Amino acid sequence: MLFEANEDPKVIQQLLGHRDVKTTITVYNSVDCEYVRQTTEKFNEKLKEDQLVLEKRERDEVLQEKKEKLLSDMSDDEFDDLLEQLLLERRERKQKDFEM
């Protein structure tokens, strides 16, 4: 039960009076199916979180590369037109938000 409660094996060793922690771990460390299931779920959730972070980072890098390429290929006049268009769209969104 102490192992399942994530207690330190050295503490369990002292409580049981074993000289070697290997004895405590090998003899008394049995785990029930529910504990294995819970641990597996925690591990899977961590993997999912890490994958989502990685995917977001990769998407951000790709978007940044595309943006840099687009801007580097654009003339000053094209850039000014794009900026004007974006500002106009922003004003229209703000106007719609205000009207609601």
PDB file of N, CA and C in Angstrom:
ATOM      1  N   MET A   1       0.835  -1.199   0.000  1.00  0.00           N
ATOM      2  CA  MET A   1       0.000   0.000   0.000  1.00  0.00           C
ATOM      3  C   MET A   1       0.873   1.253   0.000  1.00  0.00           C
ATOM      4  N   LEU A   2       1.992   1.205   0.714  1.00  0.00           N
ATOM      5  CA  LEU A   2       2.864   2.375   0.750  1.00  0.00           C
ATOM      6  C   LEU A   2       3.499   2.649  -0.614  1.00  0.00           C
ATOM      7  N   PHE A   3       3.841   1.593  -1.341  1.00  0.00           N
ATOM      8  CA  PHE A   3       4.372   1.786  -2.688  1.00  0.00           C
ATOM      9  C   PHE A   3       3.328   2.447  -3.575  1.00  0.00           C
ATOM     10  N   GLU A   4       2.085   1.975  -3.471  1.00  0.00           N
ATOM     11  CA  GLU A   4       1.002   2.541  -4.273  1.00  0.00           C
ATOM     12  C   GLU A   4       0.705   3.976  -3.878  1.00  0.00           C
ATOM     13  N   ALA A   5       1.027   4.342  -2.652  1.00  0.00           N
ATOM     14  CA  ALA A   5       0.853   5.719  -2.191  1.00  0.00           C
ATOM     15  C   ALA A   5       2.070   6.576  -2.528  1.00  0.00           C
ATOM     16  N   ASN A   6       2.977   6.016  -3.340  1.00  0.00           N
ATOM     17  CA  ASN A   6       4.191   6.713  -3.793  1.00  0.00           C
ATOM     18  C   ASN A   6       5.127   7.101  -2.647  1.00  0.00           C
ATOM     19  N   GLU A   7       5.163   6.294  -1.619  1.00  0.00           N
ATOM     20  CA  GLU A   7       6.112   6.535  -0.529  1.00  0.00           C
ATOM     21  C   GLU A   7       7.513   6.152  -0.988  1.00  0.00           C
ATOM     22  N   ASP A   8       8.480   6.770  -0.404  1.00  0.00           N
ATOM     23  CA  ASP A   8       9.884   6.517  -0.734  1.00  0.00           C
ATOM     24  C   ASP A   8      10.258   5.091  -0.309  1.00  0.00           C
ATOM     25  N   PRO A   9      10.839   4.310  -1.231  1.00  0.00           N
ATOM     26  CA  PRO A   9      11.235   2.941  -0.890  1.00  0.00           C
ATOM     27  C   PRO A   9      12.189   2.868   0.307  1.00  0.00           C
ATOM     28  N   LYS A  10      13.037   3.865   0.487  1.00  0.00           N
ATOM     29  CA  LYS A  10      13.954   3.865   1.631  1.00  0.00           C
ATOM     30  C   LYS A  10      13.181   3.991   2.953  1.00  0.00           C
ATOM     31  N   VAL A  11      12.108   4.756   2.947  1.00  0.00           N
ATOM     32  CA  VAL A  11      11.276   4.886   4.153  1.00  0.00           C
ATOM     33  C   VAL A  11      10.594   3.558   4.441  1.00  0.00           C
ATOM     34  N   ILE A  12      10.062   2.922   3.403  1.00  0.00           N
ATOM     35  CA  ILE A  12       9.411   1.621   3.571  1.00  0.00           C
ATOM     36  C   ILE A  12      10.423   0.595   4.082  1.00  0.00           C
ATOM     37  N   GLN A  13      11.629   0.634   3.564  1.00  0.00           N
ATOM     38  CA  GLN A  13      12.697  -0.268   4.016  1.00  0.00           C
ATOM     39  C   GLN A  13      12.916  -0.110   5.517  1.00  0.00           C
ATOM     40  N   GLN A  14      13.005   1.115   5.984  1.00  0.00           N
ATOM     41  CA  GLN A  14      13.239   1.349   7.416  1.00  0.00           C
ATOM     42  C   GLN A  14      12.047   0.863   8.252  1.00  0.00           C
ATOM     43  N   LEU A  15      10.838   1.126   7.770  1.00  0.00           N
ATOM     44  CA  LEU A  15       9.654   0.692   8.518  1.00  0.00           C
ATOM     45  C   LEU A  15       9.585  -0.831   8.653  1.00  0.00           C
ATOM     46  N   LEU A  16      10.017  -1.536   7.599  1.00  0.00           N
ATOM     47  CA  LEU A  16       9.977  -2.995   7.630  1.00  0.00           C
ATOM     48  C   LEU A  16      11.229  -3.605   8.247  1.00  0.00           C
ATOM     49  N   GLY A  17      12.247  -2.796   8.478  1.00  0.00           N
ATOM     50  CA  GLY A  17      13.465  -3.273   9.126  1.00  0.00           C
ATOM     51  C   GLY A  17      14.380  -4.075   8.221  1.00  0.00           C
ATOM     52  N   HIS A  18      14.311  -3.841   6.934  1.00  0.00           N
ATOM     53  CA  HIS A  18      15.202  -4.542   5.998  1.00  0.00           C
ATOM     54  C   HIS A  18      16.564  -3.842   5.927  1.00  0.00           C
ATOM     55  N   ARG A  19      17.614  -4.632   5.775  1.00  0.00           N
ATOM     56  CA  ARG A  19      18.955  -4.060   5.612  1.00  0.00           C
ATOM     57  C   ARG A  19      19.147  -3.498   4.205  1.00  0.00           C
ATOM     58  N   ASP A  20      18.542  -4.141   3.228  1.00  0.00           N
ATOM     59  CA  ASP A  20      18.753  -3.767   1.829  1.00  0.00           C
ATOM     60  C   ASP A  20      17.419  -3.359   1.203  1.00  0.00           C
ATOM     61  N   VAL A  21      17.395  -2.229   0.540  1.00  0.00           N
ATOM     62  CA  VAL A  21      16.168  -1.742  -0.086  1.00  0.00           C
ATOM     63  C   VAL A  21      15.713  -2.690  -1.201  1.00  0.00           C
ATOM     64  N   LYS A  22      16.640  -3.455  -1.789  1.00  0.00           N
ATOM     65  CA  LYS A  22      16.274  -4.416  -2.836  1.00  0.00           C
ATOM     66  C   LYS A  22      15.292  -5.448  -2.295  1.00  0.00           C
ATOM     67  N   THR A  23      15.474  -5.861  -1.062  1.00  0.00           N
ATOM     68  CA  THR A  23      14.552  -6.815  -0.443  1.00  0.00           C
ATOM     69  C   THR A  23      13.153  -6.209  -0.363  1.00  0.00           C
ATOM     70  N   THR A  24      13.085  -4.985   0.085  1.00  0.00           N
ATOM     71  CA  THR A  24      11.795  -4.301   0.222  1.00  0.00           C
ATOM     72  C   THR A  24      11.107  -4.188  -1.132  1.00  0.00           C
ATOM     73  N   ILE A  25      11.867  -3.789  -2.148  1.00  0.00           N
ATOM     74  CA  ILE A  25      11.283  -3.561  -3.467  1.00  0.00           C
ATOM     75  C   ILE A  25      10.855  -4.880  -4.109  1.00  0.00           C
ATOM     76  N   THR A  26      11.697  -5.896  -4.056  1.00  0.00           N
ATOM     77  CA  THR A  26      11.375  -7.148  -4.760  1.00  0.00           C
ATOM     78  C   THR A  26      10.327  -7.990  -4.040  1.00  0.00           C
ATOM     79  N   VAL A  27      10.337  -7.982  -2.712  1.00  0.00           N
ATOM     80  CA  VAL A  27       9.411  -8.837  -1.970  1.00  0.00           C
ATOM     81  C   VAL A  27       8.056  -8.162  -1.754  1.00  0.00           C
ATOM     82  N   TYR A  28       8.052  -6.882  -1.464  1.00  0.00           N
ATOM     83  CA  TYR A  28       6.816  -6.219  -1.046  1.00  0.00           C
ATOM     84  C   TYR A  28       6.210  -5.282  -2.085  1.00  0.00           C
ATOM     85  N   ASN A  29       6.816  -5.175  -3.211  1.00  0.00           N
ATOM     86  CA  ASN A  29       6.305  -4.234  -4.199  1.00  0.00           C
ATOM     87  C   ASN A  29       5.466  -4.943  -5.244  1.00  0.00           C
ATOM     88  N   SER A  30       4.280  -5.359  -4.871  1.00  0.00           N
ATOM     89  CA  SER A  30       3.331  -5.893  -5.844  1.00  0.00           C
ATOM     90  C   SER A  30       2.297  -4.806  -6.108  1.00  0.00           C
ATOM     91  N   VAL A  31       1.806  -4.776  -7.311  1.00  0.00           N
ATOM     92  CA  VAL A  31       0.917  -3.692  -7.702  1.00  0.00           C
ATOM     93  C   VAL A  31      -0.375  -4.285  -8.250  1.00  0.00           C
ATOM     94  N   ASP A  32      -1.504  -3.723  -7.829  1.00  0.00           N
ATOM     95  CA  ASP A  32      -2.763  -4.241  -8.356  1.00  0.00           C
ATOM     96  C   ASP A  32      -3.091  -3.605  -9.710  1.00  0.00           C
ATOM     97  N   CYS A  33      -4.050  -4.174 -10.405  1.00  0.00           N
ATOM     98  CA  CYS A  33      -4.400  -3.748 -11.770  1.00  0.00           C
ATOM     99  C   CYS A  33      -4.887  -2.301 -11.816  1.00  0.00           C
ATOM    100  N   GLU A  34      -5.615  -1.875 -10.815  1.00  0.00           N
ATOM    101  CA  GLU A  34      -6.134  -0.502 -10.789  1.00  0.00           C
ATOM    102  C   GLU A  34      -4.988   0.506 -10.725  1.00  0.00           C
ATOM    103  N   TYR A  35      -3.994   0.211  -9.934  1.00  0.00           N
ATOM    104  CA  TYR A  35      -2.828   1.095  -9.816  1.00  0.00           C
ATOM    105  C   TYR A  35      -2.098   1.187 -11.157  1.00  0.00           C
ATOM    106  N   VAL A  36      -1.947   0.066 -11.838  1.00  0.00           N
ATOM    107  CA  VAL A  36      -1.300   0.051 -13.159  1.00  0.00           C
ATOM    108  C   VAL A  36      -2.131   0.870 -14.142  1.00  0.00           C
ATOM    109  N   ARG A  37      -3.457   0.713 -14.115  1.00  0.00           N
ATOM    110  CA  ARG A  37      -4.340   1.462 -15.012  1.00  0.00           C
ATOM    111  C   ARG A  37      -4.210   2.966 -14.776  1.00  0.00           C
ATOM    112  N   GLN A  38      -4.235   3.385 -13.510  1.00  0.00           N
ATOM    113  CA  GLN A  38      -4.120   4.806 -13.183  1.00  0.00           C
ATOM    114  C   GLN A  38      -2.786   5.373 -13.644  1.00  0.00           C
ATOM    115  N   THR A  39      -1.719   4.636 -13.410  1.00  0.00           N
ATOM    116  CA  THR A  39      -0.395   5.087 -13.821  1.00  0.00           C
ATOM    117  C   THR A  39      -0.304   5.181 -15.335  1.00  0.00           C
ATOM    118  N   THR A  40      -0.879   4.209 -16.027  1.00  0.00           N
ATOM    119  CA  THR A  40      -0.882   4.227 -17.493  1.00  0.00           C
ATOM    120  C   THR A  40      -1.655   5.434 -18.010  1.00  0.00           C
ATOM    121  N   GLU A  41      -2.787   5.739 -17.394  1.00  0.00           N
ATOM    122  CA  GLU A  41      -3.568   6.907 -17.802  1.00  0.00           C
ATOM    123  C   GLU A  41      -2.775   8.203 -17.604  1.00  0.00           C
ATOM    124  N   LYS A  42      -2.086   8.327 -16.466  1.00  0.00           N
ATOM    125  CA  LYS A  42      -1.261   9.521 -16.226  1.00  0.00           C
ATOM    126  C   LYS A  42      -0.183   9.652 -17.290  1.00  0.00           C
ATOM    127  N   PHE A  43       0.452   8.530 -17.595  1.00  0.00           N
ATOM    128  CA  PHE A  43       1.515   8.527 -18.598  1.00  0.00           C
ATOM    129  C   PHE A  43       0.967   8.922 -19.975  1.00  0.00           C
ATOM    130  N   ASN A  44      -0.186   8.355 -20.358  1.00  0.00           N
ATOM    131  CA  ASN A  44      -0.793   8.689 -21.645  1.00  0.00           C
ATOM    132  C   ASN A  44      -1.189  10.154 -21.726  1.00  0.00           C
ATOM    133  N   GLU A  45      -1.725  10.708 -20.639  1.00  0.00           N
ATOM    134  CA  GLU A  45      -2.085  12.129 -20.623  1.00  0.00           C
ATOM    135  C   GLU A  45      -0.850  13.009 -20.807  1.00  0.00           C
ATOM    136  N   LYS A  46       0.229  12.653 -20.149  1.00  0.00           N
ATOM    137  CA  LYS A  46       1.476  13.411 -20.283  1.00  0.00           C
ATOM    138  C   LYS A  46       1.977  13.347 -21.718  1.00  0.00           C
ATOM    139  N   LEU A  47       1.909  12.169 -22.332  1.00  0.00           N
ATOM    140  CA  LEU A  47       2.327  12.038 -23.728  1.00  0.00           C
ATOM    141  C   LEU A  47       1.461  12.896 -24.649  1.00  0.00           C
ATOM    142  N   LYS A  48       0.156  12.910 -24.405  1.00  0.00           N
ATOM    143  CA  LYS A  48      -0.748  13.733 -25.216  1.00  0.00           C
ATOM    144  C   LYS A  48      -0.406  15.206 -25.072  1.00  0.00           C
ATOM    145  N   GLU A  49      -0.174  15.664 -23.831  1.00  0.00           N
ATOM    146  CA  GLU A  49       0.185  17.059 -23.600  1.00  0.00           C
ATOM    147  C   GLU A  49       1.474  17.418 -24.341  1.00  0.00           C
ATOM    148  N   ASP A  50       2.472  16.546 -24.220  1.00  0.00           N
ATOM    149  CA  ASP A  50       3.750  16.796 -24.890  1.00  0.00           C
ATOM    150  C   ASP A  50       3.569  16.841 -26.402  1.00  0.00           C
ATOM    151  N   GLN A  51       2.735  15.961 -26.945  1.00  0.00           N
ATOM    152  CA  GLN A  51       2.489  15.925 -28.384  1.00  0.00           C
ATOM    153  C   GLN A  51       1.792  17.201 -28.842  1.00  0.00           C
ATOM    154  N   LEU A  52       0.822  17.675 -28.064  1.00  0.00           N
ATOM    155  CA  LEU A  52       0.115  18.907 -28.415  1.00  0.00           C
ATOM    156  C   LEU A  52       1.061  20.103 -28.417  1.00  0.00           C
ATOM    157  N   VAL A  53       1.944  20.154 -27.430  1.00  0.00           N
ATOM    158  CA  VAL A  53       2.919  21.245 -27.368  1.00  0.00           C
ATOM    159  C   VAL A  53       3.838  21.187 -28.579  1.00  0.00           C
ATOM    160  N   LEU A  54       4.292  19.996 -28.909  1.00  0.00           N
ATOM    161  CA  LEU A  54       5.181  19.824 -30.051  1.00  0.00           C
ATOM    162  C   LEU A  54       4.478  20.210 -31.353  1.00  0.00           C
ATOM    163  N   GLU A  55       3.233  19.756 -31.525  1.00  0.00           N
ATOM    164  CA  GLU A  55       2.484  20.082 -32.737  1.00  0.00           C
ATOM    165  C   GLU A  55       2.259  21.589 -32.855  1.00  0.00           C
ATOM    166  N   LYS A  56       1.940  22.244 -31.744  1.00  0.00           N
ATOM    167  CA  LYS A  56       1.735  23.695 -31.772  1.00  0.00           C
ATOM    168  C   LYS A  56       3.028  24.400 -32.148  1.00  0.00           C
ATOM    169  N   ARG A  57       4.129  23.965 -31.568  1.00  0.00           N
ATOM    170  CA  ARG A  57       5.427  24.570 -31.869  1.00  0.00           C
ATOM    171  C   ARG A  57       5.768  24.404 -33.352  1.00  0.00           C
ATOM    172  N   GLU A  58       5.510  23.198 -33.883  1.00  0.00           N
ATOM    173  CA  GLU A  58       5.778  22.948 -35.302  1.00  0.00           C
ATOM    174  C   GLU A  58       4.886  23.813 -36.191  1.00  0.00           C
ATOM    175  N   ARG A  59       3.585  23.928 -35.840  1.00  0.00           N
ATOM    176  CA  ARG A  59       2.679  24.784 -36.614  1.00  0.00           C
ATOM    177  C   ARG A  59       3.146  26.227 -36.582  1.00  0.00           C
ATOM    178  N   ASP A  60       3.532  26.700 -35.398  1.00  0.00           N
ATOM    179  CA  ASP A  60       4.005  28.076 -35.266  1.00  0.00           C
ATOM    180  C   ASP A  60       5.251  28.322 -36.118  1.00  0.00           C
ATOM    181  N   GLU A  61       6.158  27.343 -36.139  1.00  0.00           N
ATOM    182  CA  GLU A  61       7.376  27.486 -36.945  1.00  0.00           C
ATOM    183  C   GLU A  61       7.046  27.537 -38.436  1.00  0.00           C
ATOM    184  N   VAL A  62       6.134  26.670 -38.877  1.00  0.00           N
ATOM    185  CA  VAL A  62       5.743  26.655 -40.290  1.00  0.00           C
ATOM    186  C   VAL A  62       5.073  27.970 -40.663  1.00  0.00           C
ATOM    187  N   LEU A  63       4.174  28.447 -39.804  1.00  0.00           N
ATOM    188  CA  LEU A  63       3.501  29.720 -40.073  1.00  0.00           C
ATOM    189  C   LEU A  63       4.495  30.873 -40.130  1.00  0.00           C
ATOM    190  N   GLN A  64       5.447  30.866 -39.213  1.00  0.00           N
ATOM    191  CA  GLN A  64       6.453  31.919 -39.199  1.00  0.00           C
ATOM    192  C   GLN A  64       7.283  31.898 -40.481  1.00  0.00           C
ATOM    193  N   GLU A  65       7.667  30.707 -40.927  1.00  0.00           N
ATOM    194  CA  GLU A  65       8.433  30.582 -42.175  1.00  0.00           C
ATOM    195  C   GLU A  65       7.626  31.093 -43.361  1.00  0.00           C
ATOM    196  N   LYS A  66       6.346  30.716 -43.417  1.00  0.00           N
ATOM    197  CA  LYS A  66       5.487  31.167 -44.517  1.00  0.00           C
ATOM    198  C   LYS A  66       5.335  32.687 -44.497  1.00  0.00           C
ATOM    199  N   LYS A  67       5.162  33.224 -43.298  1.00  0.00           N
ATOM    200  CA  LYS A  67       5.006  34.672 -43.170  1.00  0.00           C
ATOM    201  C   LYS A  67       6.275  35.392 -43.624  1.00  0.00           C
ATOM    202  N   GLU A  68       7.415  34.898 -43.190  1.00  0.00           N
ATOM    203  CA  GLU A  68       8.677  35.514 -43.582  1.00  0.00           C
ATOM    204  C   GLU A  68       8.885  35.441 -45.090  1.00  0.00           C
ATOM    205  N   LYS A  69       8.544  34.300 -45.681  1.00  0.00           N
ATOM    206  CA  LYS A  69       8.691  34.135 -47.130  1.00  0.00           C
ATOM    207  C   LYS A  69       7.769  35.090 -47.870  1.00  0.00           C
ATOM    208  N   LEU A  70       6.521  35.162 -47.427  1.00  0.00           N
ATOM    209  CA  LEU A  70       5.548  36.045 -48.044  1.00  0.00           C
ATOM    210  C   LEU A  70       6.021  37.497 -47.987  1.00  0.00           C
ATOM    211  N   LEU A  71       6.483  37.919 -46.813  1.00  0.00           N
ATOM    212  CA  LEU A  71       6.926  39.303 -46.657  1.00  0.00           C
ATOM    213  C   LEU A  71       8.193  39.596 -47.449  1.00  0.00           C
ATOM    214  N   SER A  72       9.084  38.632 -47.534  1.00  0.00           N
ATOM    215  CA  SER A  72      10.331  38.868 -48.266  1.00  0.00           C
ATOM    216  C   SER A  72      10.087  38.964 -49.772  1.00  0.00           C
ATOM    217  N   ASP A  73       9.050  38.265 -50.274  1.00  0.00           N
ATOM    218  CA  ASP A  73       8.737  38.287 -51.705  1.00  0.00           C
ATOM    219  C   ASP A  73       7.852  39.467 -52.095  1.00  0.00           C
ATOM    220  N   MET A  74       7.372  40.212 -51.127  1.00  0.00           N
ATOM    221  CA  MET A  74       6.389  41.255 -51.372  1.00  0.00           C
ATOM    222  C   MET A  74       7.070  42.606 -51.601  1.00  0.00           C
ATOM    223  N   SER A  75       6.535  43.348 -52.530  1.00  0.00           N
ATOM    224  CA  SER A  75       7.052  44.706 -52.746  1.00  0.00           C
ATOM    225  C   SER A  75       6.501  45.633 -51.669  1.00  0.00           C
ATOM    226  N   ASP A  76       7.059  46.825 -51.582  1.00  0.00           N
ATOM    227  CA  ASP A  76       6.589  47.790 -50.582  1.00  0.00           C
ATOM    228  C   ASP A  76       5.132  48.169 -50.815  1.00  0.00           C
ATOM    229  N   ASP A  77       4.752  48.345 -52.072  1.00  0.00           N
ATOM    230  CA  ASP A  77       3.365  48.700 -52.388  1.00  0.00           C
ATOM    231  C   ASP A  77       2.413  47.562 -52.014  1.00  0.00           C
ATOM    232  N   GLU A  78       2.811  46.329 -52.302  1.00  0.00           N
ATOM    233  CA  GLU A  78       1.981  45.180 -51.941  1.00  0.00           C
ATOM    234  C   GLU A  78       1.840  45.073 -50.422  1.00  0.00           C
ATOM    235  N   PHE A  79       2.927  45.335 -49.728  1.00  0.00           N
ATOM    236  CA  PHE A  79       2.887  45.292 -48.269  1.00  0.00           C
ATOM    237  C   PHE A  79       1.936  46.361 -47.732  1.00  0.00           C
ATOM    238  N   ASP A  80       2.030  47.577 -48.281  1.00  0.00           N
ATOM    239  CA  ASP A  80       1.141  48.662 -47.849  1.00  0.00           C
ATOM    240  C   ASP A  80      -0.320  48.314 -48.110  1.00  0.00           C
ATOM    241  N   ASP A  81      -0.604  47.712 -49.261  1.00  0.00           N
ATOM    242  CA  ASP A  81      -1.971  47.307 -49.584  1.00  0.00           C
ATOM    243  C   ASP A  81      -2.476  46.248 -48.615  1.00  0.00           C
ATOM    244  N   LEU A  82      -1.637  45.281 -48.326  1.00  0.00           N
ATOM    245  CA  LEU A  82      -2.016  44.229 -47.390  1.00  0.00           C
ATOM    246  C   LEU A  82      -2.283  44.805 -46.006  1.00  0.00           C
ATOM    247  N   LEU A  83      -1.426  45.674 -45.569  1.00  0.00           N
ATOM    248  CA  LEU A  83      -1.590  46.292 -44.255  1.00  0.00           C
ATOM    249  C   LEU A  83      -2.881  47.098 -44.194  1.00  0.00           C
ATOM    250  N   GLU A  84      -3.164  47.836 -45.242  1.00  0.00           N
ATOM    251  CA  GLU A  84      -4.398  48.619 -45.297  1.00  0.00           C
ATOM    252  C   GLU A  84      -5.625  47.705 -45.247  1.00  0.00           C
ATOM    253  N   GLN A  85      -5.564  46.597 -45.979  1.00  0.00           N
ATOM    254  CA  GLN A  85      -6.664  45.632 -45.983  1.00  0.00           C
ATOM    255  C   GLN A  85      -6.873  45.026 -44.590  1.00  0.00           C
ATOM    256  N   LEU A  86      -5.796  44.670 -43.924  1.00  0.00           N
ATOM    257  CA  LEU A  86      -5.905  44.090 -42.582  1.00  0.00           C
ATOM    258  C   LEU A  86      -6.477  45.091 -41.587  1.00  0.00           C
ATOM    259  N   LEU A  87      -6.051  46.320 -41.678  1.00  0.00           N
ATOM    260  CA  LEU A  87      -6.580  47.358 -40.775  1.00  0.00           C
ATOM    261  C   LEU A  87      -8.070  47.578 -41.013  1.00  0.00           C
ATOM    262  N   LEU A  88      -8.473  47.566 -42.278  1.00  0.00           N
ATOM    263  CA  LEU A  88      -9.881  47.723 -42.615  1.00  0.00           C
ATOM    264  C   LEU A  88     -10.699  46.558 -42.042  1.00  0.00           C
ATOM    265  N   GLU A  89     -10.212  45.336 -42.192  1.00  0.00           N
ATOM    266  CA  GLU A  89     -10.902  44.167 -41.635  1.00  0.00           C
ATOM    267  C   GLU A  89     -10.995  44.259 -40.115  1.00  0.00           C
ATOM    268  N   ARG A  90      -9.962  44.737 -39.504  1.00  0.00           N
ATOM    269  CA  ARG A  90      -9.959  44.880 -38.040  1.00  0.00           C
ATOM    270  C   ARG A  90     -11.009  45.893 -37.599  1.00  0.00           C
ATOM    271  N   ARG A  91     -11.080  47.026 -38.308  1.00  0.00           N
ATOM    272  CA  ARG A  91     -12.092  48.037 -37.970  1.00  0.00           C
ATOM    273  C   ARG A  91     -13.494  47.473 -38.140  1.00  0.00           C
ATOM    274  N   GLU A  92     -13.709  46.694 -39.206  1.00  0.00           N
ATOM    275  CA  GLU A  92     -15.035  46.110 -39.451  1.00  0.00           C
ATOM    276  C   GLU A  92     -15.410  45.123 -38.350  1.00  0.00           C
ATOM    277  N   ARG A  93     -14.444  44.320 -37.896  1.00  0.00           N
ATOM    278  CA  ARG A  93     -14.728  43.379 -36.794  1.00  0.00           C
ATOM    279  C   ARG A  93     -15.075  44.135 -35.516  1.00  0.00           C
ATOM    280  N   LYS A  94     -14.327  45.192 -35.239  1.00  0.00           N
ATOM    281  CA  LYS A  94     -14.619  45.980 -34.036  1.00  0.00           C
ATOM    282  C   LYS A  94     -15.991  46.608 -34.127  1.00  0.00           C
ATOM    283  N   GLN A  95     -16.353  47.077 -35.324  1.00  0.00           N
ATOM    284  CA  GLN A  95     -17.670  47.688 -35.521  1.00  0.00           C
ATOM    285  C   GLN A  95     -18.762  46.656 -35.273  1.00  0.00           C
ATOM    286  N   LYS A  96     -18.580  45.427 -35.793  1.00  0.00           N
ATOM    287  CA  LYS A  96     -19.576  44.369 -35.587  1.00  0.00           C
ATOM    288  C   LYS A  96     -19.678  44.012 -34.114  1.00  0.00           C
ATOM    289  N   ASP A  97     -18.545  43.943 -33.430  1.00  0.00           N
ATOM    290  CA  ASP A  97     -18.567  43.641 -31.996  1.00  0.00           C
ATOM    291  C   ASP A  97     -19.309  44.721 -31.226  1.00  0.00           C
ATOM    292  N   PHE A  98     -19.133  45.964 -31.643  1.00  0.00           N
ATOM    293  CA  PHE A  98     -19.777  47.079 -30.965  1.00  0.00           C
ATOM    294  C   PHE A  98     -21.278  47.050 -31.195  1.00  0.00           C
ATOM    295  N   GLU A  99     -21.710  46.643 -32.403  1.00  0.00           N
ATOM    296  CA  GLU A  99     -23.127  46.624 -32.740  1.00  0.00           C
ATOM    297  C   GLU A  99     -23.879  45.536 -31.985  1.00  0.00           C
ATOM    298  N   MET A 100     -23.212  44.474 -31.606  1.00  0.00           N
ATOM    299  CA  MET A 100     -23.889  43.376 -30.913  1.00  0.00           C
ATOM    300  C   MET A 100     -24.153  43.800 -29.548  1.00  0.00           C
TER     301      MET A 100
END
